[in-house]
Amino acid sequence: MHLYATIAACAAAVVVVAWLAVSFMSPGTQRRKIEWVGATGLFVALLALFVNLLRRAIATDSEAGMIAFGFLTFMFSCSLLVSMVRTVGALRGRTSSSKSSATH
C-alpha cells in the first residue's frame, strides 16, 4: 500500500470512529474535542487524496491536473492548519465561544 493510501485509510478510520462517538454523545467539552479530532482527520484524508492526485498529475505532465489538484492541495492544507489549531485549542480547553464546534 502506498504511503498516501495508508495515511488516508488511517485518517478515514479516525473520522468514522469520531463520527460514531459524536453521534451518541451529549453536547459538551468532550464532544467538542472529538469533533475537532474528527474534522482534522477528515482534512488529513482529503489532503492525502489530493496530494496523491497532484503527484500523479506531475508525473503525467498534465497541466490541467497540476493546476486543479495544486489548488485543492493548497486549500486543504490551509484548512488542515486551521483545523489543527482549533483541535489543539479544544484539547487544551480553550474555545472562542461556547457554541463553536467543528460540526456547526
Protein backbone atom coordinates (compact mmCIF):
# COMPACT_ATOMS: atom_id res chain seq x y z
CA MET A 1 0.00 0.00 0.00
CA HIS A 2 1.32 3.40 -0.95
CA LEU A 3 2.12 5.93 1.78
CA TYR A 4 -0.69 8.31 0.81
CA ALA A 5 -3.22 5.48 0.76
CA THR A 6 -2.11 4.35 4.21
CA ILE A 7 -2.40 7.88 5.61
CA ALA A 8 -5.82 8.34 4.01
CA ALA A 9 -7.09 5.00 5.32
CA CYS A 10 -5.94 5.75 8.88
CA ALA A 11 -7.43 9.24 8.73
CA ALA A 12 -10.72 7.85 7.39
CA ALA A 13 -10.81 5.38 10.29
CA VAL A 14 -10.35 8.28 12.73
CA VAL A 15 -13.19 10.15 11.01
CA VAL A 16 -15.55 7.18 11.25
CA VAL A 17 -14.75 6.49 14.91
CA ALA A 18 -15.10 10.18 15.80
CA TRP A 19 -18.36 10.43 13.85
CA LEU A 20 -19.81 7.44 15.68
CA ALA A 21 -18.65 8.73 19.06
CA VAL A 22 -20.08 12.21 18.44
CA SER A 23 -23.37 10.73 17.25
CA PHE A 24 -24.02 9.14 20.64
CA MET A 25 -22.60 11.84 22.94
CA SER A 26 -24.45 14.72 24.50
CA PRO A 27 -23.15 18.24 23.82
CA GLY A 28 -20.21 19.25 25.97
CA THR A 29 -16.49 19.78 26.07
CA GLN A 30 -15.61 16.12 25.50
CA ARG A 31 -17.80 16.01 22.39
CA ARG A 32 -16.23 19.23 21.09
CA LYS A 33 -12.77 17.69 21.43
CA ILE A 34 -13.78 14.60 19.49
CA GLU A 35 -15.48 16.74 16.83
CA TRP A 36 -12.28 18.65 16.18
CA VAL A 37 -10.17 15.48 16.09
CA GLY A 38 -12.60 14.03 13.54
CA ALA A 39 -12.55 17.22 11.46
CA THR A 40 -8.76 17.18 11.43
CA GLY A 41 -8.82 13.53 10.37
CA LEU A 42 -11.16 14.44 7.51
CA PHE A 43 -8.80 17.15 6.27
CA VAL A 44 -5.83 14.76 6.53
CA ALA A 45 -7.69 12.18 4.44
CA LEU A 46 -8.68 14.75 1.81
CA LEU A 47 -5.20 16.24 1.71
CA ALA A 48 -3.64 12.79 1.23
CA LEU A 49 -6.03 12.16 -1.66
CA PHE A 50 -5.27 15.44 -3.41
CA VAL A 51 -1.51 15.26 -2.82
CA ASN A 52 -1.55 11.80 -4.42
CA LEU A 53 -3.57 13.12 -7.38
CA LEU A 54 -1.21 16.10 -7.69
CA ARG A 55 1.75 13.74 -7.69
CA ARG A 56 0.16 11.72 -10.50
CA ALA A 57 -0.62 14.87 -12.50
CA ILE A 58 3.01 15.97 -12.19
CA ALA A 59 4.22 12.51 -13.25
CA THR A 60 2.00 12.53 -16.36
CA ASP A 61 2.78 16.19 -17.11
CA SER A 62 -0.90 17.16 -17.03
CA GLU A 63 -1.11 20.94 -16.71
CA ALA A 64 -4.84 20.97 -16.01
CA GLY A 65 -4.37 18.33 -13.32
CA MET A 66 -1.46 20.21 -11.79
CA ILE A 67 -3.48 23.43 -11.60
CA ALA A 68 -6.66 21.81 -10.27
CA PHE A 69 -5.05 19.44 -7.78
CA GLY A 70 -2.45 22.02 -6.79
CA PHE A 71 -5.23 24.45 -5.91
CA LEU A 72 -7.13 21.80 -3.96
CA THR A 73 -3.95 20.72 -2.17
CA PHE A 74 -3.31 24.32 -1.16
CA MET A 75 -6.90 24.85 0.03
CA PHE A 76 -7.00 21.66 2.09
CA SER A 77 -3.52 22.38 3.52
CA CYS A 78 -4.84 25.71 4.80
CA SER A 79 -7.99 24.03 6.12
CA LEU A 80 -5.90 21.38 7.86
CA LEU A 81 -3.78 24.05 9.50
CA VAL A 82 -6.85 25.88 10.83
CA SER A 83 -8.39 22.61 12.00
CA MET A 84 -5.19 21.59 13.78
CA VAL A 85 -5.03 24.91 15.61
CA ARG A 86 -8.68 24.58 16.64
CA THR A 87 -8.12 20.95 17.70
CA VAL A 88 -5.18 21.88 19.90
CA GLY A 89 -7.24 24.71 21.38
CA ALA A 90 -10.14 22.35 22.12
CA LEU A 91 -7.83 19.75 23.64
CA ARG A 92 -6.26 22.40 25.86
CA GLY A 93 -9.69 23.61 26.94
CA ARG A 94 -9.67 26.91 25.08
CA THR A 95 -12.66 27.81 22.95
CA SER A 96 -13.55 31.07 21.28
CA SER A 97 -17.22 30.71 22.19
CA SER A 98 -19.42 28.23 23.96
CA LYS A 99 -21.34 27.47 20.75
CA SER A 100 -18.40 26.92 18.39
CA SER A 101 -17.78 23.39 17.27
CA ALA A 102 -16.44 21.53 14.28
CA THR A 103 -19.90 20.45 13.15
CA HIS A 104 -21.69 23.80 13.21
